[in-house]
Structures are given as C-alpha cells and as structure tokens.
Amino acid sequence: MRRASALAAALSLAALLTGCTQEKPESAPATRSPAQAAWYDSTPEERESHCDAYRSHDPQHPVTIPPHQSDQTDEEFADDFYEVLKKEC
C-alpha cells in the first residue's frame, strides 16, 4: 500500500513538473482598431497635418478624419481617431 501511494505521489509530481516546463503558446499579436489602422495607413505628411490640426484646436482648420472601413458609425470612428491623436501627437 505504501509503495502504491509513493508511486502515485511521484507520478503526480512528474505530471505537475511536465506541465510547468511545457512551452506556452505565443499570444496572437494585438489587432489594431480601425482608427489606429487609419493612422498607420496615413503618410507621414498626413500624420503631421492631423497632429498640427489636433494641437491647434482651430475651428478654421479642423482635423480631417481619414476614410475608414469598419462597423463603427462615423461618430464612433471620429472619437476613436481623436484618442489615437492624443496618444500619437
């Protein structure tokens, strides 16, 4: 009986150690939101123009929201794009 419980404990420990040493699958890269994708799809000149307009807060020269393809409404996309500008500019 003692031999059986010692064997069971050894097998349990071996199984536990095997589980701890297994490689974990790599996590999938984070996906970009449509607003982030629009930012990164913009040219450097367009990005600079977006940042200049964002920083100036001038109603005469508003931020031009780039075209996008997403399930979001235009208003939701614009809000998300402003969040990207906050972070990037």
PDB file of N, CA and C in Angstrom:
ATOM      1  N   MET A   1       0.824  -1.187   0.000  1.00  0.00           N
ATOM      2  CA  MET A   1       0.000   0.000   0.000  1.00  0.00           C
ATOM      3  C   MET A   1       0.866   1.249   0.000  1.00  0.00           C
ATOM      4  N   ARG A   2       1.926   1.202   0.798  1.00  0.00           N
ATOM      5  CA  ARG A   2       2.811   2.349   0.882  1.00  0.00           C
ATOM      6  C   ARG A   2       3.511   2.604  -0.450  1.00  0.00           C
ATOM      7  N   ARG A   3       3.876   1.525  -1.109  1.00  0.00           N
ATOM      8  CA  ARG A   3       4.553   1.635  -2.397  1.00  0.00           C
ATOM      9  C   ARG A   3       3.612   2.256  -3.437  1.00  0.00           C
ATOM     10  N   ALA A   4       2.347   1.910  -3.411  1.00  0.00           N
ATOM     11  CA  ALA A   4       1.371   2.438  -4.374  1.00  0.00           C
ATOM     12  C   ALA A   4       1.166   3.935  -4.157  1.00  0.00           C
ATOM     13  N   SER A   5       1.060   4.384  -2.897  1.00  0.00           N
ATOM     14  CA  SER A   5       0.850   5.814  -2.666  1.00  0.00           C
ATOM     15  C   SER A   5       2.115   6.606  -2.989  1.00  0.00           C
ATOM     16  N   ALA A   6       3.297   6.040  -2.755  1.00  0.00           N
ATOM     17  CA  ALA A   6       4.541   6.713  -3.116  1.00  0.00           C
ATOM     18  C   ALA A   6       4.653   6.826  -4.634  1.00  0.00           C
ATOM     19  N   LEU A   7       4.250   5.776  -5.335  1.00  0.00           N
ATOM     20  CA  LEU A   7       4.281   5.796  -6.800  1.00  0.00           C
ATOM     21  C   LEU A   7       3.283   6.821  -7.334  1.00  0.00           C
ATOM     22  N   ALA A   8       2.107   6.889  -6.746  1.00  0.00           N
ATOM     23  CA  ALA A   8       1.097   7.858  -7.173  1.00  0.00           C
ATOM     24  C   ALA A   8       1.593   9.283  -6.932  1.00  0.00           C
ATOM     25  N   ALA A   9       2.241   9.510  -5.787  1.00  0.00           N
ATOM     26  CA  ALA A   9       2.765  10.845  -5.495  1.00  0.00           C
ATOM     27  C   ALA A   9       3.867  11.212  -6.475  1.00  0.00           C
ATOM     28  N   ALA A  10       4.736  10.270  -6.808  1.00  0.00           N
ATOM     29  CA  ALA A  10       5.816  10.528  -7.758  1.00  0.00           C
ATOM     30  C   ALA A  10       5.256  10.833  -9.142  1.00  0.00           C
ATOM     31  N   LEU A  11       4.239  10.085  -9.547  1.00  0.00           N
ATOM     32  CA  LEU A  11       3.631  10.335 -10.864  1.00  0.00           C
ATOM     33  C   LEU A  11       2.926  11.685 -10.892  1.00  0.00           C
ATOM     34  N   SER A  12       2.275  12.046  -9.807  1.00  0.00           N
ATOM     35  CA  SER A  12       1.611  13.347  -9.740  1.00  0.00           C
ATOM     36  C   SER A  12       2.623  14.477  -9.830  1.00  0.00           C
ATOM     37  N   LEU A  13       3.737  14.323  -9.113  1.00  0.00           N
ATOM     38  CA  LEU A  13       4.790  15.339  -9.149  1.00  0.00           C
ATOM     39  C   LEU A  13       5.389  15.436 -10.549  1.00  0.00           C
ATOM     40  N   ALA A  14       5.608  14.303 -11.184  1.00  0.00           N
ATOM     41  CA  ALA A  14       6.169  14.300 -12.535  1.00  0.00           C
ATOM     42  C   ALA A  14       5.212  14.985 -13.515  1.00  0.00           C
ATOM     43  N   ALA A  15       3.929  14.698 -13.381  1.00  0.00           N
ATOM     44  CA  ALA A  15       2.941  15.327 -14.264  1.00  0.00           C
ATOM     45  C   ALA A  15       2.892  16.829 -14.030  1.00  0.00           C
ATOM     46  N   LEU A  16       2.975  17.245 -12.783  1.00  0.00           N
ATOM     47  CA  LEU A  16       2.966  18.667 -12.459  1.00  0.00           C
ATOM     48  C   LEU A  16       4.186  19.364 -13.042  1.00  0.00           C
ATOM     49  N   LEU A  17       5.350  18.763 -12.886  1.00  0.00           N
ATOM     50  CA  LEU A  17       6.574  19.356 -13.422  1.00  0.00           C
ATOM     51  C   LEU A  17       6.555  19.404 -14.941  1.00  0.00           C
ATOM     52  N   THR A  18       6.008  18.387 -15.559  1.00  0.00           N
ATOM     53  CA  THR A  18       5.912  18.376 -17.017  1.00  0.00           C
ATOM     54  C   THR A  18       5.015  19.514 -17.491  1.00  0.00           C
ATOM     55  N   GLY A  19       3.918  19.735 -16.801  1.00  0.00           N
ATOM     56  CA  GLY A  19       3.017  20.827 -17.168  1.00  0.00           C
ATOM     57  C   GLY A  19       3.669  22.182 -17.007  1.00  0.00           C
ATOM     58  N   CYS A  20       4.537  22.339 -16.021  1.00  0.00           N
ATOM     59  CA  CYS A  20       5.187  23.631 -15.785  1.00  0.00           C
ATOM     60  C   CYS A  20       6.282  23.921 -16.788  1.00  0.00           C
ATOM     61  N   THR A  21       6.881  22.887 -17.343  1.00  0.00           N
ATOM     62  CA  THR A  21       8.003  23.107 -18.251  1.00  0.00           C
ATOM     63  C   THR A  21       7.588  23.159 -19.713  1.00  0.00           C
ATOM     64  N   GLN A  22       6.321  22.901 -20.001  1.00  0.00           N
ATOM     65  CA  GLN A  22       5.880  22.959 -21.392  1.00  0.00           C
ATOM     66  C   GLN A  22       5.892  24.407 -21.865  1.00  0.00           C
ATOM     67  N   GLU A  23       6.234  24.575 -23.136  1.00  0.00           N
ATOM     68  CA  GLU A  23       6.231  25.916 -23.701  1.00  0.00           C
ATOM     69  C   GLU A  23       4.813  26.422 -23.806  1.00  0.00           C
ATOM     70  N   LYS A  24       4.650  27.665 -23.476  1.00  0.00           N
ATOM     71  CA  LYS A  24       3.347  28.288 -23.601  1.00  0.00           C
ATOM     72  C   LYS A  24       3.203  28.796 -25.029  1.00  0.00           C
ATOM     73  N   PRO A  25       2.023  28.652 -25.599  1.00  0.00           N
ATOM     74  CA  PRO A  25       1.839  29.158 -26.968  1.00  0.00           C
ATOM     75  C   PRO A  25       1.994  30.666 -26.992  1.00  0.00           C
ATOM     76  N   GLU A  26       2.575  31.139 -28.089  1.00  0.00           N
ATOM     77  CA  GLU A  26       2.752  32.584 -28.233  1.00  0.00           C
ATOM     78  C   GLU A  26       1.387  33.235 -28.375  1.00  0.00           C
ATOM     79  N   SER A  27       1.236  34.360 -27.736  1.00  0.00           N
ATOM     80  CA  SER A  27      -0.031  35.063 -27.850  1.00  0.00           C
ATOM     81  C   SER A  27      -0.103  35.737 -29.217  1.00  0.00           C
ATOM     82  N   ALA A  28      -1.298  35.847 -29.705  1.00  0.00           N
ATOM     83  CA  ALA A  28      -1.501  36.480 -31.009  1.00  0.00           C
ATOM     84  C   ALA A  28      -1.191  37.969 -30.894  1.00  0.00           C
ATOM     85  N   PRO A  29      -0.635  38.542 -31.941  1.00  0.00           N
ATOM     86  CA  PRO A  29      -0.358  39.980 -31.877  1.00  0.00           C
ATOM     87  C   PRO A  29      -1.653  40.767 -31.718  1.00  0.00           C
ATOM     88  N   ALA A  30      -1.552  41.862 -31.007  1.00  0.00           N
ATOM     89  CA  ALA A  30      -2.732  42.692 -30.792  1.00  0.00           C
ATOM     90  C   ALA A  30      -3.204  43.258 -32.127  1.00  0.00           C
ATOM     91  N   THR A  31      -4.483  43.281 -32.301  1.00  0.00           N
ATOM     92  CA  THR A  31      -5.012  43.833 -33.544  1.00  0.00           C
ATOM     93  C   THR A  31      -5.279  45.316 -33.366  1.00  0.00           C
ATOM     94  N   ARG A  32      -5.172  46.023 -34.440  1.00  0.00           N
ATOM     95  CA  ARG A  32      -5.387  47.468 -34.410  1.00  0.00           C
ATOM     96  C   ARG A  32      -6.867  47.767 -34.572  1.00  0.00           C
ATOM     97  N   SER A  33      -7.273  48.852 -33.958  1.00  0.00           N
ATOM     98  CA  SER A  33      -8.632  49.339 -34.172  1.00  0.00           C
ATOM     99  C   SER A  33      -8.663  49.993 -35.552  1.00  0.00           C
ATOM    100  N   PRO A  34      -9.839  50.203 -36.117  1.00  0.00           N
ATOM    101  CA  PRO A  34      -9.908  50.891 -37.413  1.00  0.00           C
ATOM    102  C   PRO A  34      -9.254  52.274 -37.364  1.00  0.00           C
ATOM    103  N   ALA A  35      -9.382  52.969 -36.231  1.00  0.00           N
ATOM    104  CA  ALA A  35      -8.775  54.301 -36.122  1.00  0.00           C
ATOM    105  C   ALA A  35      -7.254  54.205 -36.121  1.00  0.00           C
ATOM    106  N   GLN A  36      -6.716  53.208 -35.418  1.00  0.00           N
ATOM    107  CA  GLN A  36      -5.267  53.018 -35.427  1.00  0.00           C
ATOM    108  C   GLN A  36      -4.792  52.635 -36.818  1.00  0.00           C
ATOM    109  N   ALA A  37      -5.548  51.793 -37.488  1.00  0.00           N
ATOM    110  CA  ALA A  37      -5.178  51.391 -38.848  1.00  0.00           C
ATOM    111  C   ALA A  37      -5.174  52.600 -39.778  1.00  0.00           C
ATOM    112  N   ALA A  38      -6.155  53.472 -39.626  1.00  0.00           N
ATOM    113  CA  ALA A  38      -6.206  54.677 -40.462  1.00  0.00           C
ATOM    114  C   ALA A  38      -4.992  55.552 -40.202  1.00  0.00           C
ATOM    115  N   TRP A  39      -4.575  55.646 -38.947  1.00  0.00           N
ATOM    116  CA  TRP A  39      -3.390  56.438 -38.595  1.00  0.00           C
ATOM    117  C   TRP A  39      -2.154  55.858 -39.271  1.00  0.00           C
ATOM    118  N   TYR A  40      -1.952  54.553 -39.138  1.00  0.00           N
ATOM    119  CA  TYR A  40      -0.753  53.935 -39.684  1.00  0.00           C
ATOM    120  C   TYR A  40      -0.781  53.818 -41.205  1.00  0.00           C
ATOM    121  N   ASP A  41      -1.973  53.866 -41.787  1.00  0.00           N
ATOM    122  CA  ASP A  41      -2.068  53.860 -43.244  1.00  0.00           C
ATOM    123  C   ASP A  41      -1.812  55.249 -43.837  1.00  0.00           C
ATOM    124  N   SER A  42      -1.856  56.277 -42.998  1.00  0.00           N
ATOM    125  CA  SER A  42      -1.618  57.646 -43.460  1.00  0.00           C
ATOM    126  C   SER A  42      -0.140  57.842 -43.781  1.00  0.00           C
ATOM    127  N   THR A  43       0.131  58.771 -44.678  1.00  0.00           N
ATOM    128  CA  THR A  43       1.518  59.118 -44.993  1.00  0.00           C
ATOM    129  C   THR A  43       2.076  59.974 -43.847  1.00  0.00           C
ATOM    130  N   PRO A  44       3.387  60.093 -43.747  1.00  0.00           N
ATOM    131  CA  PRO A  44       3.963  60.972 -42.714  1.00  0.00           C
ATOM    132  C   PRO A  44       3.446  62.404 -42.817  1.00  0.00           C
ATOM    133  N   GLU A  45       3.235  62.893 -44.039  1.00  0.00           N
ATOM    134  CA  GLU A  45       2.725  64.244 -44.212  1.00  0.00           C
ATOM    135  C   GLU A  45       1.294  64.368 -43.684  1.00  0.00           C
ATOM    136  N   GLU A  46       0.480  63.356 -43.956  1.00  0.00           N
ATOM    137  CA  GLU A  46      -0.896  63.365 -43.456  1.00  0.00           C
ATOM    138  C   GLU A  46      -0.916  63.307 -41.927  1.00  0.00           C
ATOM    139  N   ARG A  47      -0.046  62.485 -41.354  1.00  0.00           N
ATOM    140  CA  ARG A  47       0.034  62.393 -39.899  1.00  0.00           C
ATOM    141  C   ARG A  47       0.413  63.737 -39.293  1.00  0.00           C
ATOM    142  N   GLU A  48       1.390  64.386 -39.897  1.00  0.00           N
ATOM    143  CA  GLU A  48       1.815  65.706 -39.406  1.00  0.00           C
ATOM    144  C   GLU A  48       0.671  66.709 -39.502  1.00  0.00           C
ATOM    145  N   SER A  49      -0.072  66.654 -40.598  1.00  0.00           N
ATOM    146  CA  SER A  49      -1.225  67.539 -40.772  1.00  0.00           C
ATOM    147  C   SER A  49      -2.285  67.261 -39.714  1.00  0.00           C
ATOM    148  N   HIS A  50      -2.562  65.991 -39.445  1.00  0.00           N
ATOM    149  CA  HIS A  50      -3.530  65.621 -38.405  1.00  0.00           C
ATOM    150  C   HIS A  50      -3.077  66.161 -37.050  1.00  0.00           C
ATOM    151  N   CYS A  51      -1.805  65.982 -36.735  1.00  0.00           N
ATOM    152  CA  CYS A  51      -1.283  66.439 -35.440  1.00  0.00           C
ATOM    153  C   CYS A  51      -1.313  67.961 -35.324  1.00  0.00           C
ATOM    154  N   ASP A  52      -0.943  68.637 -36.398  1.00  0.00           N
ATOM    155  CA  ASP A  52      -0.980  70.111 -36.374  1.00  0.00           C
ATOM    156  C   ASP A  52      -2.400  70.606 -36.104  1.00  0.00           C
ATOM    157  N   ALA A  53      -3.373  70.034 -36.798  1.00  0.00           N
ATOM    158  CA  ALA A  53      -4.767  70.438 -36.610  1.00  0.00           C
ATOM    159  C   ALA A  53      -5.249  70.073 -35.208  1.00  0.00           C
ATOM    160  N   TYR A  54      -4.844  68.919 -34.721  1.00  0.00           N
ATOM    161  CA  TYR A  54      -5.253  68.489 -33.382  1.00  0.00           C
ATOM    162  C   TYR A  54      -4.681  69.416 -32.310  1.00  0.00           C
ATOM    163  N   ARG A  55      -3.408  69.766 -32.451  1.00  0.00           N
ATOM    164  CA  ARG A  55      -2.750  70.627 -31.461  1.00  0.00           C
ATOM    165  C   ARG A  55      -3.296  72.047 -31.470  1.00  0.00           C
ATOM    166  N   SER A  56      -3.659  72.550 -32.651  1.00  0.00           N
ATOM    167  CA  SER A  56      -4.078  73.951 -32.749  1.00  0.00           C
ATOM    168  C   SER A  56      -5.505  74.184 -32.253  1.00  0.00           C
ATOM    169  N   HIS A  57      -6.339  73.170 -32.291  1.00  0.00           N
ATOM    170  CA  HIS A  57      -7.748  73.306 -31.877  1.00  0.00           C
ATOM    171  C   HIS A  57      -8.414  74.483 -32.587  1.00  0.00           C
ATOM    172  N   ASP A  58      -8.050  74.692 -33.829  1.00  0.00           N
ATOM    173  CA  ASP A  58      -8.576  75.823 -34.599  1.00  0.00           C
ATOM    174  C   ASP A  58      -9.803  75.377 -35.398  1.00  0.00           C
ATOM    175  N   PRO A  59     -10.973  75.962 -35.129  1.00  0.00           N
ATOM    176  CA  PRO A  59     -12.171  75.567 -35.872  1.00  0.00           C
ATOM    177  C   PRO A  59     -12.067  75.851 -37.371  1.00  0.00           C
ATOM    178  N   GLN A  60     -11.191  76.797 -37.744  1.00  0.00           N
ATOM    179  CA  GLN A  60     -11.000  77.095 -39.158  1.00  0.00           C
ATOM    180  C   GLN A  60     -10.202  75.999 -39.877  1.00  0.00           C
ATOM    181  N   HIS A  61      -9.438  75.230 -39.113  1.00  0.00           N
ATOM    182  CA  HIS A  61      -8.628  74.144 -39.678  1.00  0.00           C
ATOM    183  C   HIS A  61      -8.845  72.880 -38.851  1.00  0.00           C
ATOM    184  N   PRO A  62     -10.028  72.269 -38.980  1.00  0.00           N
ATOM    185  CA  PRO A  62     -10.317  71.084 -38.164  1.00  0.00           C
ATOM    186  C   PRO A  62      -9.491  69.874 -38.605  1.00  0.00           C
ATOM    187  N   VAL A  63      -9.450  68.892 -37.736  1.00  0.00           N
ATOM    188  CA  VAL A  63      -8.777  67.636 -38.066  1.00  0.00           C
ATOM    189  C   VAL A  63      -9.571  66.949 -39.166  1.00  0.00           C
ATOM    190  N   THR A  64      -8.881  66.532 -40.207  1.00  0.00           N
ATOM    191  CA  THR A  64      -9.522  65.790 -41.280  1.00  0.00           C
ATOM    192  C   THR A  64      -9.525  64.317 -40.889  1.00  0.00           C
ATOM    193  N   ILE A  65     -10.701  63.769 -40.764  1.00  0.00           N
ATOM    194  CA  ILE A  65     -10.823  62.351 -40.417  1.00  0.00           C
ATOM    195  C   ILE A  65     -10.640  61.549 -41.698  1.00  0.00           C
ATOM    196  N   PRO A  66      -9.666  60.634 -41.723  1.00  0.00           N
ATOM    197  CA  PRO A  66      -9.435  59.854 -42.943  1.00  0.00           C
ATOM    198  C   PRO A  66     -10.580  58.879 -43.209  1.00  0.00           C
ATOM    199  N   PRO A  67     -10.707  58.461 -44.448  1.00  0.00           N
ATOM    200  CA  PRO A  67     -11.737  57.466 -44.755  1.00  0.00           C
ATOM    201  C   PRO A  67     -11.426  56.167 -44.011  1.00  0.00           C
ATOM    202  N   HIS A  68     -12.452  55.432 -43.723  1.00  0.00           N
ATOM    203  CA  HIS A  68     -12.257  54.196 -42.976  1.00  0.00           C
ATOM    204  C   HIS A  68     -13.271  53.149 -43.412  1.00  0.00           C
ATOM    205  N   GLN A  69     -12.932  51.915 -43.092  1.00  0.00           N
ATOM    206  CA  GLN A  69     -13.844  50.817 -43.366  1.00  0.00           C
ATOM    207  C   GLN A  69     -13.986  50.040 -42.056  1.00  0.00           C
ATOM    208  N   SER A  70     -15.131  50.178 -41.434  1.00  0.00           N
ATOM    209  CA  SER A  70     -15.356  49.484 -40.171  1.00  0.00           C
ATOM    210  C   SER A  70     -16.835  49.387 -39.895  1.00  0.00           C
ATOM    211  N   ASP A  71     -17.154  48.687 -38.822  1.00  0.00           N
ATOM    212  CA  ASP A  71     -18.545  48.547 -38.398  1.00  0.00           C
ATOM    213  C   ASP A  71     -18.987  49.722 -37.537  1.00  0.00           C
ATOM    214  N   GLN A  72     -18.060  50.623 -37.242  1.00  0.00           N
ATOM    215  CA  GLN A  72     -18.377  51.760 -36.398  1.00  0.00           C
ATOM    216  C   GLN A  72     -19.129  52.833 -37.180  1.00  0.00           C
ATOM    217  N   THR A  73     -19.887  53.633 -36.437  1.00  0.00           N
ATOM    218  CA  THR A  73     -20.507  54.801 -37.070  1.00  0.00           C
ATOM    219  C   THR A  73     -19.406  55.838 -37.290  1.00  0.00           C
ATOM    220  N   ASP A  74     -19.695  56.836 -38.086  1.00  0.00           N
ATOM    221  CA  ASP A  74     -18.710  57.897 -38.331  1.00  0.00           C
ATOM    222  C   ASP A  74     -18.326  58.592 -37.030  1.00  0.00           C
ATOM    223  N   GLU A  75     -19.307  58.792 -36.170  1.00  0.00           N
ATOM    224  CA  GLU A  75     -19.049  59.463 -34.896  1.00  0.00           C
ATOM    225  C   GLU A  75     -18.148  58.619 -33.987  1.00  0.00           C
ATOM    226  N   GLU A  76     -18.416  57.322 -33.915  1.00  0.00           N
ATOM    227  CA  GLU A  76     -17.579  56.429 -33.098  1.00  0.00           C
ATOM    228  C   GLU A  76     -16.148  56.392 -33.632  1.00  0.00           C
ATOM    229  N   PHE A  77     -16.038  56.326 -34.962  1.00  0.00           N
ATOM    230  CA  PHE A  77     -14.711  56.301 -35.560  1.00  0.00           C
ATOM    231  C   PHE A  77     -13.962  57.600 -35.271  1.00  0.00           C
ATOM    232  N   ALA A  78     -14.632  58.727 -35.403  1.00  0.00           N
ATOM    233  CA  ALA A  78     -14.003  60.027 -35.138  1.00  0.00           C
ATOM    234  C   ALA A  78     -13.532  60.105 -33.690  1.00  0.00           C
ATOM    235  N   ASP A  79     -14.355  59.624 -32.749  1.00  0.00           N
ATOM    236  CA  ASP A  79     -13.954  59.616 -31.342  1.00  0.00           C
ATOM    237  C   ASP A  79     -12.705  58.761 -31.135  1.00  0.00           C
ATOM    238  N   ASP A  80     -12.700  57.590 -31.746  1.00  0.00           N
ATOM    239  CA  ASP A  80     -11.530  56.712 -31.625  1.00  0.00           C
ATOM    240  C   ASP A  80     -10.300  57.329 -32.280  1.00  0.00           C
ATOM    241  N   PHE A  81     -10.501  58.011 -33.411  1.00  0.00           N
ATOM    242  CA  PHE A  81      -9.372  58.633 -34.095  1.00  0.00           C
ATOM    243  C   PHE A  81      -8.775  59.750 -33.241  1.00  0.00           C
ATOM    244  N   TYR A  82      -9.620  60.509 -32.558  1.00  0.00           N
ATOM    245  CA  TYR A  82      -9.121  61.552 -31.643  1.00  0.00           C
ATOM    246  C   TYR A  82      -8.314  60.924 -30.507  1.00  0.00           C
ATOM    247  N   GLU A  83      -8.727  59.753 -30.040  1.00  0.00           N
ATOM    248  CA  GLU A  83      -7.957  59.056 -28.999  1.00  0.00           C
ATOM    249  C   GLU A  83      -6.581  58.648 -29.526  1.00  0.00           C
ATOM    250  N   VAL A  84      -6.526  58.225 -30.775  1.00  0.00           N
ATOM    251  CA  VAL A  84      -5.247  57.878 -31.398  1.00  0.00           C
ATOM    252  C   VAL A  84      -4.380  59.132 -31.501  1.00  0.00           C
ATOM    253  N   LEU A  85      -4.991  60.245 -31.884  1.00  0.00           N
ATOM    254  CA  LEU A  85      -4.239  61.501 -31.992  1.00  0.00           C
ATOM    255  C   LEU A  85      -3.687  61.918 -30.636  1.00  0.00           C
ATOM    256  N   LYS A  86      -4.471  61.763 -29.576  1.00  0.00           N
ATOM    257  CA  LYS A  86      -3.990  62.086 -28.230  1.00  0.00           C
ATOM    258  C   LYS A  86      -2.724  61.323 -27.905  1.00  0.00           C
ATOM    259  N   LYS A  87      -2.720  60.057 -28.287  1.00  0.00           N
ATOM    260  CA  LYS A  87      -1.582  59.193 -27.973  1.00  0.00           C
ATOM    261  C   LYS A  87      -0.391  59.437 -28.900  1.00  0.00           C
ATOM    262  N   GLU A  88      -0.655  59.641 -30.162  1.00  0.00           N
ATOM    263  CA  GLU A  88       0.417  59.728 -31.161  1.00  0.00           C
ATOM    264  C   GLU A  88       1.008  61.130 -31.293  1.00  0.00           C
ATOM    265  N   CYS A  89       0.216  62.148 -31.044  1.00  0.00           N
ATOM    266  CA  CYS A  89       0.699  63.517 -31.235  1.00  0.00           C
ATOM    267  C   CYS A  89       1.252  64.031 -29.932  1.00  0.00           C
TER     268      CYS A  89
END
